[in-house]
Amino acid sequence: MQASDRFNINSQLEHLQAKYVGTGHADLTRFEWAVNIQRDSYASYIGHYPMLAYFAIAENESIGRERYNFMQKMLLPCGLPPERDEDCGASA
């Protein structure tokens, strides 16, 4: 592989990461990645009616109630974010 090929692959990856939030980036934390996965899953469940109906039947709830519950879970899907260090990433 030549240097120009590596540059091209990296530029394509950077383009995808800028275009699609779920593809992540170098500074993405484990918590942010987990939140993206959970939100994508809930959005998929809401958007695909048969899957939503499956969950509604499994939980013995109406489809509207299940949709509402999924939207509520999208607010904080993994709980509150962990505490961050103030010195994190700062170099002297």
PDB file of N, CA and C in Angstrom:
ATOM      1  N   MET A   1       0.840  -1.172   0.000  1.00  0.00           N
ATOM      2  CA  MET A   1       0.000   0.000   0.000  1.00  0.00           C
ATOM      3  C   MET A   1       0.889   1.241   0.000  1.00  0.00           C
ATOM      4  N   GLN A   2       0.562   2.168  -0.852  1.00  0.00           N
ATOM      5  CA  GLN A   2       1.345   3.380  -0.973  1.00  0.00           C
ATOM      6  C   GLN A   2       0.836   4.447  -0.011  1.00  0.00           C
ATOM      7  N   ALA A   3       1.631   5.445   0.189  1.00  0.00           N
ATOM      8  CA  ALA A   3       1.262   6.537   1.095  1.00  0.00           C
ATOM      9  C   ALA A   3       0.015   7.264   0.593  1.00  0.00           C
ATOM     10  N   SER A   4      -0.108   7.415  -0.721  1.00  0.00           N
ATOM     11  CA  SER A   4      -1.278   8.111  -1.266  1.00  0.00           C
ATOM     12  C   SER A   4      -2.558   7.306  -1.014  1.00  0.00           C
ATOM     13  N   ASP A   5      -2.452   5.970  -1.034  1.00  0.00           N
ATOM     14  CA  ASP A   5      -3.619   5.135  -0.745  1.00  0.00           C
ATOM     15  C   ASP A   5      -4.066   5.315   0.704  1.00  0.00           C
ATOM     16  N   ARG A   6      -3.095   5.348   1.611  1.00  0.00           N
ATOM     17  CA  ARG A   6      -3.427   5.541   3.033  1.00  0.00           C
ATOM     18  C   ARG A   6      -4.070   6.901   3.264  1.00  0.00           C
ATOM     19  N   PHE A   7      -3.536   7.928   2.589  1.00  0.00           N
ATOM     20  CA  PHE A   7      -4.113   9.268   2.730  1.00  0.00           C
ATOM     21  C   PHE A   7      -5.541   9.275   2.212  1.00  0.00           C
ATOM     22  N   ASN A   8      -5.784   8.606   1.094  1.00  0.00           N
ATOM     23  CA  ASN A   8      -7.112   8.555   0.502  1.00  0.00           C
ATOM     24  C   ASN A   8      -8.084   7.826   1.426  1.00  0.00           C
ATOM     25  N   ILE A   9      -7.664   6.713   2.004  1.00  0.00           N
ATOM     26  CA  ILE A   9      -8.518   5.957   2.919  1.00  0.00           C
ATOM     27  C   ILE A   9      -8.837   6.798   4.152  1.00  0.00           C
ATOM     28  N   ASN A  10      -7.838   7.473   4.707  1.00  0.00           N
ATOM     29  CA  ASN A  10      -8.066   8.320   5.881  1.00  0.00           C
ATOM     30  C   ASN A  10      -8.998   9.480   5.565  1.00  0.00           C
ATOM     31  N   SER A  11      -8.850  10.080   4.394  1.00  0.00           N
ATOM     32  CA  SER A  11      -9.729  11.194   4.046  1.00  0.00           C
ATOM     33  C   SER A  11     -11.164  10.706   3.840  1.00  0.00           C
ATOM     34  N   GLN A  12     -11.335   9.502   3.290  1.00  0.00           N
ATOM     35  CA  GLN A  12     -12.671   8.944   3.141  1.00  0.00           C
ATOM     36  C   GLN A  12     -13.298   8.653   4.508  1.00  0.00           C
ATOM     37  N   LEU A  13     -12.505   8.124   5.419  1.00  0.00           N
ATOM     38  CA  LEU A  13     -12.987   7.845   6.765  1.00  0.00           C
ATOM     39  C   LEU A  13     -13.389   9.135   7.470  1.00  0.00           C
ATOM     40  N   GLU A  14     -12.575  10.169   7.355  1.00  0.00           N
ATOM     41  CA  GLU A  14     -12.907  11.454   7.968  1.00  0.00           C
ATOM     42  C   GLU A  14     -14.191  12.022   7.376  1.00  0.00           C
ATOM     43  N   HIS A  15     -14.382  11.855   6.079  1.00  0.00           N
ATOM     44  CA  HIS A  15     -15.607  12.333   5.429  1.00  0.00           C
ATOM     45  C   HIS A  15     -16.828  11.596   5.979  1.00  0.00           C
ATOM     46  N   LEU A  16     -16.730  10.268   6.104  1.00  0.00           N
ATOM     47  CA  LEU A  16     -17.844   9.495   6.652  1.00  0.00           C
ATOM     48  C   LEU A  16     -18.132   9.880   8.100  1.00  0.00           C
ATOM     49  N   GLN A  17     -17.094  10.089   8.886  1.00  0.00           N
ATOM     50  CA  GLN A  17     -17.282  10.452  10.283  1.00  0.00           C
ATOM     51  C   GLN A  17     -17.922  11.824  10.422  1.00  0.00           C
ATOM     52  N   ALA A  18     -17.625  12.731   9.512  1.00  0.00           N
ATOM     53  CA  ALA A  18     -18.243  14.048   9.546  1.00  0.00           C
ATOM     54  C   ALA A  18     -19.700  13.983   9.083  1.00  0.00           C
ATOM     55  N   LYS A  19     -19.975  13.100   8.137  1.00  0.00           N
ATOM     56  CA  LYS A  19     -21.318  13.018   7.560  1.00  0.00           C
ATOM     57  C   LYS A  19     -22.287  12.244   8.445  1.00  0.00           C
ATOM     58  N   TYR A  20     -21.827  11.153   9.049  1.00  0.00           N
ATOM     59  CA  TYR A  20     -22.691  10.293   9.849  1.00  0.00           C
ATOM     60  C   TYR A  20     -22.196  10.268  11.294  1.00  0.00           C
ATOM     61  N   VAL A  21     -23.050  10.711  12.210  1.00  0.00           N
ATOM     62  CA  VAL A  21     -22.663  10.821  13.617  1.00  0.00           C
ATOM     63  C   VAL A  21     -22.304   9.460  14.205  1.00  0.00           C
ATOM     64  N   GLY A  22     -23.004   8.421  13.853  1.00  0.00           N
ATOM     65  CA  GLY A  22     -22.819   7.108  14.451  1.00  0.00           C
ATOM     66  C   GLY A  22     -21.505   6.432  14.126  1.00  0.00           C
ATOM     67  N   THR A  23     -20.750   6.935  13.151  1.00  0.00           N
ATOM     68  CA  THR A  23     -19.488   6.283  12.802  1.00  0.00           C
ATOM     69  C   THR A  23     -18.372   6.643  13.766  1.00  0.00           C
ATOM     70  N   GLY A  24     -18.585   7.639  14.613  1.00  0.00           N
ATOM     71  CA  GLY A  24     -17.605   7.977  15.636  1.00  0.00           C
ATOM     72  C   GLY A  24     -16.442   8.784  15.094  1.00  0.00           C
ATOM     73  N   HIS A  25     -15.535   9.080  16.008  1.00  0.00           N
ATOM     74  CA  HIS A  25     -14.303   9.791  15.671  1.00  0.00           C
ATOM     75  C   HIS A  25     -13.270   9.477  16.749  1.00  0.00           C
ATOM     76  N   ALA A  26     -12.094  10.002  16.606  1.00  0.00           N
ATOM     77  CA  ALA A  26     -10.993   9.646  17.501  1.00  0.00           C
ATOM     78  C   ALA A  26     -11.239  10.083  18.945  1.00  0.00           C
ATOM     79  N   ASP A  27     -11.982  11.150  19.157  1.00  0.00           N
ATOM     80  CA  ASP A  27     -12.198  11.683  20.497  1.00  0.00           C
ATOM     81  C   ASP A  27     -13.493  11.171  21.141  1.00  0.00           C
ATOM     82  N   LEU A  28     -14.161  10.247  20.523  1.00  0.00           N
ATOM     83  CA  LEU A  28     -15.424   9.723  21.041  1.00  0.00           C
ATOM     84  C   LEU A  28     -15.167   8.847  22.263  1.00  0.00           C
ATOM     85  N   THR A  29     -15.866   9.138  23.353  1.00  0.00           N
ATOM     86  CA  THR A  29     -15.691   8.342  24.563  1.00  0.00           C
ATOM     87  C   THR A  29     -16.539   7.086  24.490  1.00  0.00           C
ATOM     88  N   ARG A  30     -16.263   6.151  25.359  1.00  0.00           N
ATOM     89  CA  ARG A  30     -17.030   4.912  25.412  1.00  0.00           C
ATOM     90  C   ARG A  30     -18.500   5.196  25.724  1.00  0.00           C
ATOM     91  N   PHE A  31     -18.743   6.153  26.617  1.00  0.00           N
ATOM     92  CA  PHE A  31     -20.114   6.510  26.985  1.00  0.00           C
ATOM     93  C   PHE A  31     -20.864   7.095  25.790  1.00  0.00           C
ATOM     94  N   GLU A  32     -20.229   8.029  25.053  1.00  0.00           N
ATOM     95  CA  GLU A  32     -20.878   8.631  23.888  1.00  0.00           C
ATOM     96  C   GLU A  32     -21.176   7.588  22.824  1.00  0.00           C
ATOM     97  N   TRP A  33     -20.274   6.637  22.644  1.00  0.00           N
ATOM     98  CA  TRP A  33     -20.488   5.564  21.681  1.00  0.00           C
ATOM     99  C   TRP A  33     -21.698   4.724  22.091  1.00  0.00           C
ATOM    100  N   ALA A  34     -21.795   4.390  23.377  1.00  0.00           N
ATOM    101  CA  ALA A  34     -22.915   3.589  23.872  1.00  0.00           C
ATOM    102  C   ALA A  34     -24.233   4.347  23.710  1.00  0.00           C
ATOM    103  N   VAL A  35     -24.228   5.653  23.958  1.00  0.00           N
ATOM    104  CA  VAL A  35     -25.436   6.466  23.792  1.00  0.00           C
ATOM    105  C   VAL A  35     -25.875   6.453  22.331  1.00  0.00           C
ATOM    106  N   ASN A  36     -24.926   6.594  21.399  1.00  0.00           N
ATOM    107  CA  ASN A  36     -25.269   6.555  19.973  1.00  0.00           C
ATOM    108  C   ASN A  36     -25.907   5.222  19.597  1.00  0.00           C
ATOM    109  N   ILE A  37     -25.340   4.128  20.088  1.00  0.00           N
ATOM    110  CA  ILE A  37     -25.872   2.805  19.766  1.00  0.00           C
ATOM    111  C   ILE A  37     -27.292   2.654  20.309  1.00  0.00           C
ATOM    112  N   GLN A  38     -27.503   3.051  21.565  1.00  0.00           N
ATOM    113  CA  GLN A  38     -28.827   2.926  22.179  1.00  0.00           C
ATOM    114  C   GLN A  38     -29.853   3.783  21.448  1.00  0.00           C
ATOM    115  N   ARG A  39     -29.501   5.025  21.141  1.00  0.00           N
ATOM    116  CA  ARG A  39     -30.444   5.910  20.451  1.00  0.00           C
ATOM    117  C   ARG A  39     -30.764   5.406  19.049  1.00  0.00           C
ATOM    118  N   ASP A  40     -29.772   4.889  18.356  1.00  0.00           N
ATOM    119  CA  ASP A  40     -30.017   4.319  17.035  1.00  0.00           C
ATOM    120  C   ASP A  40     -30.967   3.132  17.134  1.00  0.00           C
ATOM    121  N   SER A  41     -30.783   2.315  18.165  1.00  0.00           N
ATOM    122  CA  SER A  41     -31.652   1.150  18.349  1.00  0.00           C
ATOM    123  C   SER A  41     -33.088   1.582  18.622  1.00  0.00           C
ATOM    124  N   TYR A  42     -33.273   2.529  19.545  1.00  0.00           N
ATOM    125  CA  TYR A  42     -34.629   2.990  19.860  1.00  0.00           C
ATOM    126  C   TYR A  42     -35.286   3.639  18.647  1.00  0.00           C
ATOM    127  N   ALA A  43     -34.534   4.416  17.881  1.00  0.00           N
ATOM    128  CA  ALA A  43     -35.083   5.043  16.680  1.00  0.00           C
ATOM    129  C   ALA A  43     -35.498   3.983  15.663  1.00  0.00           C
ATOM    130  N   SER A  44     -34.724   2.919  15.564  1.00  0.00           N
ATOM    131  CA  SER A  44     -35.067   1.830  14.655  1.00  0.00           C
ATOM    132  C   SER A  44     -36.331   1.111  15.116  1.00  0.00           C
ATOM    133  N   TYR A  45     -36.445   0.887  16.428  1.00  0.00           N
ATOM    134  CA  TYR A  45     -37.643   0.222  16.949  1.00  0.00           C
ATOM    135  C   TYR A  45     -38.884   1.058  16.674  1.00  0.00           C
ATOM    136  N   ILE A  46     -38.777   2.383  16.842  1.00  0.00           N
ATOM    137  CA  ILE A  46     -39.922   3.260  16.609  1.00  0.00           C
ATOM    138  C   ILE A  46     -40.261   3.315  15.123  1.00  0.00           C
ATOM    139  N   GLY A  47     -39.247   3.324  14.288  1.00  0.00           N
ATOM    140  CA  GLY A  47     -39.459   3.466  12.849  1.00  0.00           C
ATOM    141  C   GLY A  47     -39.938   2.219  12.141  1.00  0.00           C
ATOM    142  N   HIS A  48     -39.722   1.050  12.719  1.00  0.00           N
ATOM    143  CA  HIS A  48     -40.156  -0.198  12.096  1.00  0.00           C
ATOM    144  C   HIS A  48     -41.361  -0.737  12.858  1.00  0.00           C
ATOM    145  N   TYR A  49     -42.525  -0.556  12.261  1.00  0.00           N
ATOM    146  CA  TYR A  49     -43.774  -0.885  12.935  1.00  0.00           C
ATOM    147  C   TYR A  49     -43.848  -2.335  13.418  1.00  0.00           C
ATOM    148  N   PRO A  50     -43.433  -3.318  12.620  1.00  0.00           N
ATOM    149  CA  PRO A  50     -43.517  -4.702  13.123  1.00  0.00           C
ATOM    150  C   PRO A  50     -42.663  -4.930  14.380  1.00  0.00           C
ATOM    151  N   MET A  51     -41.515  -4.296  14.445  1.00  0.00           N
ATOM    152  CA  MET A  51     -40.675  -4.435  15.629  1.00  0.00           C
ATOM    153  C   MET A  51     -41.336  -3.767  16.827  1.00  0.00           C
ATOM    154  N   LEU A  52     -41.936  -2.600  16.598  1.00  0.00           N
ATOM    155  CA  LEU A  52     -42.648  -1.894  17.657  1.00  0.00           C
ATOM    156  C   LEU A  52     -43.823  -2.732  18.154  1.00  0.00           C
ATOM    157  N   ALA A  53     -44.547  -3.356  17.228  1.00  0.00           N
ATOM    158  CA  ALA A  53     -45.673  -4.218  17.608  1.00  0.00           C
ATOM    159  C   ALA A  53     -45.181  -5.423  18.407  1.00  0.00           C
ATOM    160  N   TYR A  54     -44.050  -5.970  18.033  1.00  0.00           N
ATOM    161  CA  TYR A  54     -43.480  -7.102  18.762  1.00  0.00           C
ATOM    162  C   TYR A  54     -43.191  -6.725  20.216  1.00  0.00           C
ATOM    163  N   PHE A  55     -42.533  -5.568  20.404  1.00  0.00           N
ATOM    164  CA  PHE A  55     -42.235  -5.118  21.761  1.00  0.00           C
ATOM    165  C   PHE A  55     -43.515  -4.838  22.550  1.00  0.00           C
ATOM    166  N   ALA A  56     -44.520  -4.259  21.879  1.00  0.00           N
ATOM    167  CA  ALA A  56     -45.784  -3.955  22.554  1.00  0.00           C
ATOM    168  C   ALA A  56     -46.464  -5.236  23.030  1.00  0.00           C
ATOM    169  N   ILE A  57     -46.466  -6.250  22.213  1.00  0.00           N
ATOM    170  CA  ILE A  57     -47.071  -7.528  22.606  1.00  0.00           C
ATOM    171  C   ILE A  57     -46.269  -8.176  23.727  1.00  0.00           C
ATOM    172  N   ALA A  58     -44.946  -8.151  23.613  1.00  0.00           N
ATOM    173  CA  ALA A  58     -44.090  -8.781  24.617  1.00  0.00           C
ATOM    174  C   ALA A  58     -44.239  -8.128  25.992  1.00  0.00           C
ATOM    175  N   GLU A  59     -44.468  -6.820  26.004  1.00  0.00           N
ATOM    176  CA  GLU A  59     -44.583  -6.103  27.268  1.00  0.00           C
ATOM    177  C   GLU A  59     -46.029  -5.834  27.659  1.00  0.00           C
ATOM    178  N   ASN A  60     -46.984  -6.332  26.871  1.00  0.00           N
ATOM    179  CA  ASN A  60     -48.411  -6.180  27.145  1.00  0.00           C
ATOM    180  C   ASN A  60     -48.789  -4.700  27.281  1.00  0.00           C
ATOM    181  N   GLU A  61     -48.310  -3.895  26.356  1.00  0.00           N
ATOM    182  CA  GLU A  61     -48.599  -2.470  26.320  1.00  0.00           C
ATOM    183  C   GLU A  61     -49.183  -2.128  24.954  1.00  0.00           C
ATOM    184  N   SER A  62     -49.809  -0.960  24.856  1.00  0.00           N
ATOM    185  CA  SER A  62     -50.287  -0.516  23.553  1.00  0.00           C
ATOM    186  C   SER A  62     -49.083  -0.048  22.729  1.00  0.00           C
ATOM    187  N   ILE A  63     -49.277   0.007  21.419  1.00  0.00           N
ATOM    188  CA  ILE A  63     -48.184   0.415  20.536  1.00  0.00           C
ATOM    189  C   ILE A  63     -47.818   1.880  20.792  1.00  0.00           C
ATOM    190  N   GLY A  64     -48.823   2.718  21.021  1.00  0.00           N
ATOM    191  CA  GLY A  64     -48.550   4.124  21.318  1.00  0.00           C
ATOM    192  C   GLY A  64     -47.774   4.306  22.609  1.00  0.00           C
ATOM    193  N   ARG A  65     -48.125   3.528  23.633  1.00  0.00           N
ATOM    194  CA  ARG A  65     -47.421   3.608  24.914  1.00  0.00           C
ATOM    195  C   ARG A  65     -45.975   3.144  24.743  1.00  0.00           C
ATOM    196  N   GLU A  66     -45.790   2.081  23.961  1.00  0.00           N
ATOM    197  CA  GLU A  66     -44.433   1.568  23.743  1.00  0.00           C
ATOM    198  C   GLU A  66     -43.593   2.585  22.978  1.00  0.00           C
ATOM    199  N   ARG A  67     -44.199   3.239  21.989  1.00  0.00           N
ATOM    200  CA  ARG A  67     -43.491   4.287  21.234  1.00  0.00           C
ATOM    201  C   ARG A  67     -43.095   5.426  22.180  1.00  0.00           C
ATOM    202  N   TYR A  68     -44.022   5.829  23.047  1.00  0.00           N
ATOM    203  CA  TYR A  68     -43.740   6.884  24.018  1.00  0.00           C
ATOM    204  C   TYR A  68     -42.601   6.465  24.953  1.00  0.00           C
ATOM    205  N   ASN A  69     -42.636   5.237  25.441  1.00  0.00           N
ATOM    206  CA  ASN A  69     -41.577   4.754  26.334  1.00  0.00           C
ATOM    207  C   ASN A  69     -40.216   4.770  25.655  1.00  0.00           C
ATOM    208  N   PHE A  70     -40.168   4.357  24.386  1.00  0.00           N
ATOM    209  CA  PHE A  70     -38.896   4.365  23.663  1.00  0.00           C
ATOM    210  C   PHE A  70     -38.388   5.793  23.478  1.00  0.00           C
ATOM    211  N   MET A  71     -39.289   6.727  23.180  1.00  0.00           N
ATOM    212  CA  MET A  71     -38.857   8.118  23.018  1.00  0.00           C
ATOM    213  C   MET A  71     -38.352   8.689  24.342  1.00  0.00           C
ATOM    214  N   GLN A  72     -38.965   8.310  25.451  1.00  0.00           N
ATOM    215  CA  GLN A  72     -38.486   8.758  26.752  1.00  0.00           C
ATOM    216  C   GLN A  72     -37.106   8.176  27.055  1.00  0.00           C
ATOM    217  N   LYS A  73     -36.897   6.913  26.676  1.00  0.00           N
ATOM    218  CA  LYS A  73     -35.597   6.280  26.911  1.00  0.00           C
ATOM    219  C   LYS A  73     -34.497   6.892  26.055  1.00  0.00           C
ATOM    220  N   MET A  74     -34.863   7.529  24.950  1.00  0.00           N
ATOM    221  CA  MET A  74     -33.863   8.147  24.085  1.00  0.00           C
ATOM    222  C   MET A  74     -33.226   9.377  24.734  1.00  0.00           C
ATOM    223  N   LEU A  75     -33.887   9.969  25.726  1.00  0.00           N
ATOM    224  CA  LEU A  75     -33.327  11.164  26.364  1.00  0.00           C
ATOM    225  C   LEU A  75     -32.029  10.855  27.096  1.00  0.00           C
ATOM    226  N   LEU A  76     -32.035   9.852  27.942  1.00  0.00           N
ATOM    227  CA  LEU A  76     -30.834   9.417  28.672  1.00  0.00           C
ATOM    228  C   LEU A  76     -30.759   7.897  28.590  1.00  0.00           C
ATOM    229  N   PRO A  77     -30.372   7.353  27.446  1.00  0.00           N
ATOM    230  CA  PRO A  77     -30.410   5.900  27.282  1.00  0.00           C
ATOM    231  C   PRO A  77     -29.432   5.139  28.163  1.00  0.00           C
ATOM    232  N   CYS A  78     -28.340   5.763  28.547  1.00  0.00           N
ATOM    233  CA  CYS A  78     -27.322   5.082  29.358  1.00  0.00           C
ATOM    234  C   CYS A  78     -27.138   5.761  30.707  1.00  0.00           C
ATOM    235  N   GLY A  79     -28.115   6.532  31.139  1.00  0.00           N
ATOM    236  CA  GLY A  79     -27.989   7.238  32.402  1.00  0.00           C
ATOM    237  C   GLY A  79     -27.207   8.530  32.238  1.00  0.00           C
ATOM    238  N   LEU A  80     -26.878   9.120  33.361  1.00  0.00           N
ATOM    239  CA  LEU A  80     -26.120  10.371  33.332  1.00  0.00           C
ATOM    240  C   LEU A  80     -24.688  10.114  32.880  1.00  0.00           C
ATOM    241  N   PRO A  81     -24.092  11.089  32.179  1.00  0.00           N
ATOM    242  CA  PRO A  81     -22.704  10.898  31.738  1.00  0.00           C
ATOM    243  C   PRO A  81     -21.755  10.836  32.927  1.00  0.00           C
ATOM    244  N   PRO A  82     -20.667  10.098  32.788  1.00  0.00           N
ATOM    245  CA  PRO A  82     -19.699  10.008  33.886  1.00  0.00           C
ATOM    246  C   PRO A  82     -19.000  11.341  34.104  1.00  0.00           C
ATOM    247  N   GLU A  83     -18.507  11.518  35.310  1.00  0.00           N
ATOM    248  CA  GLU A  83     -17.766  12.744  35.631  1.00  0.00           C
ATOM    249  C   GLU A  83     -16.470  12.775  34.823  1.00  0.00           C
ATOM    250  N   ARG A  84     -16.149  13.942  34.294  1.00  0.00           N
ATOM    251  CA  ARG A  84     -14.919  14.098  33.509  1.00  0.00           C
ATOM    252  C   ARG A  84     -13.889  14.840  34.327  1.00  0.00           C
ATOM    253  N   ASP A  85     -12.638  14.478  34.166  1.00  0.00           N
ATOM    254  CA  ASP A  85     -11.552  15.186  34.831  1.00  0.00           C
ATOM    255  C   ASP A  85     -11.357  16.531  34.154  1.00  0.00           C
ATOM    256  N   GLU A  86     -11.081  17.537  34.939  1.00  0.00           N
ATOM    257  CA  GLU A  86     -10.814  18.881  34.384  1.00  0.00           C
ATOM    258  C   GLU A  86      -9.489  18.905  33.630  1.00  0.00           C
ATOM    259  N   ASP A  87      -8.541  18.070  34.050  1.00  0.00           N
ATOM    260  CA  ASP A  87      -7.215  18.059  33.443  1.00  0.00           C
ATOM    261  C   ASP A  87      -7.134  17.141  32.238  1.00  0.00           C
ATOM    262  N   CYS A  88      -8.207  16.469  31.913  1.00  0.00           N
ATOM    263  CA  CYS A  88      -8.204  15.481  30.832  1.00  0.00           C
ATOM    264  C   CYS A  88      -7.863  16.141  29.501  1.00  0.00           C
ATOM    265  N   GLY A  89      -6.799  15.696  28.881  1.00  0.00           N
ATOM    266  CA  GLY A  89      -6.405  16.182  27.577  1.00  0.00           C
ATOM    267  C   GLY A  89      -5.535  17.440  27.605  1.00  0.00           C
ATOM    268  N   ALA A  90      -5.400  18.052  28.745  1.00  0.00           N
ATOM    269  CA  ALA A  90      -4.576  19.259  28.834  1.00  0.00           C
ATOM    270  C   ALA A  90      -3.134  18.880  29.119  1.00  0.00           C
ATOM    271  N   SER A  91      -2.255  19.378  28.285  1.00  0.00           N
ATOM    272  CA  SER A  91      -0.826  19.100  28.506  1.00  0.00           C
ATOM    273  C   SER A  91      -0.097  20.429  28.672  1.00  0.00           C
ATOM    274  N   ALA A  92       0.878  20.432  29.528  1.00  0.00           N
ATOM    275  CA  ALA A  92       1.607  21.687  29.806  1.00  0.00           C
ATOM    276  C   ALA A  92       2.903  21.737  29.059  1.00  0.00           C
TER     277      ALA A  92
END
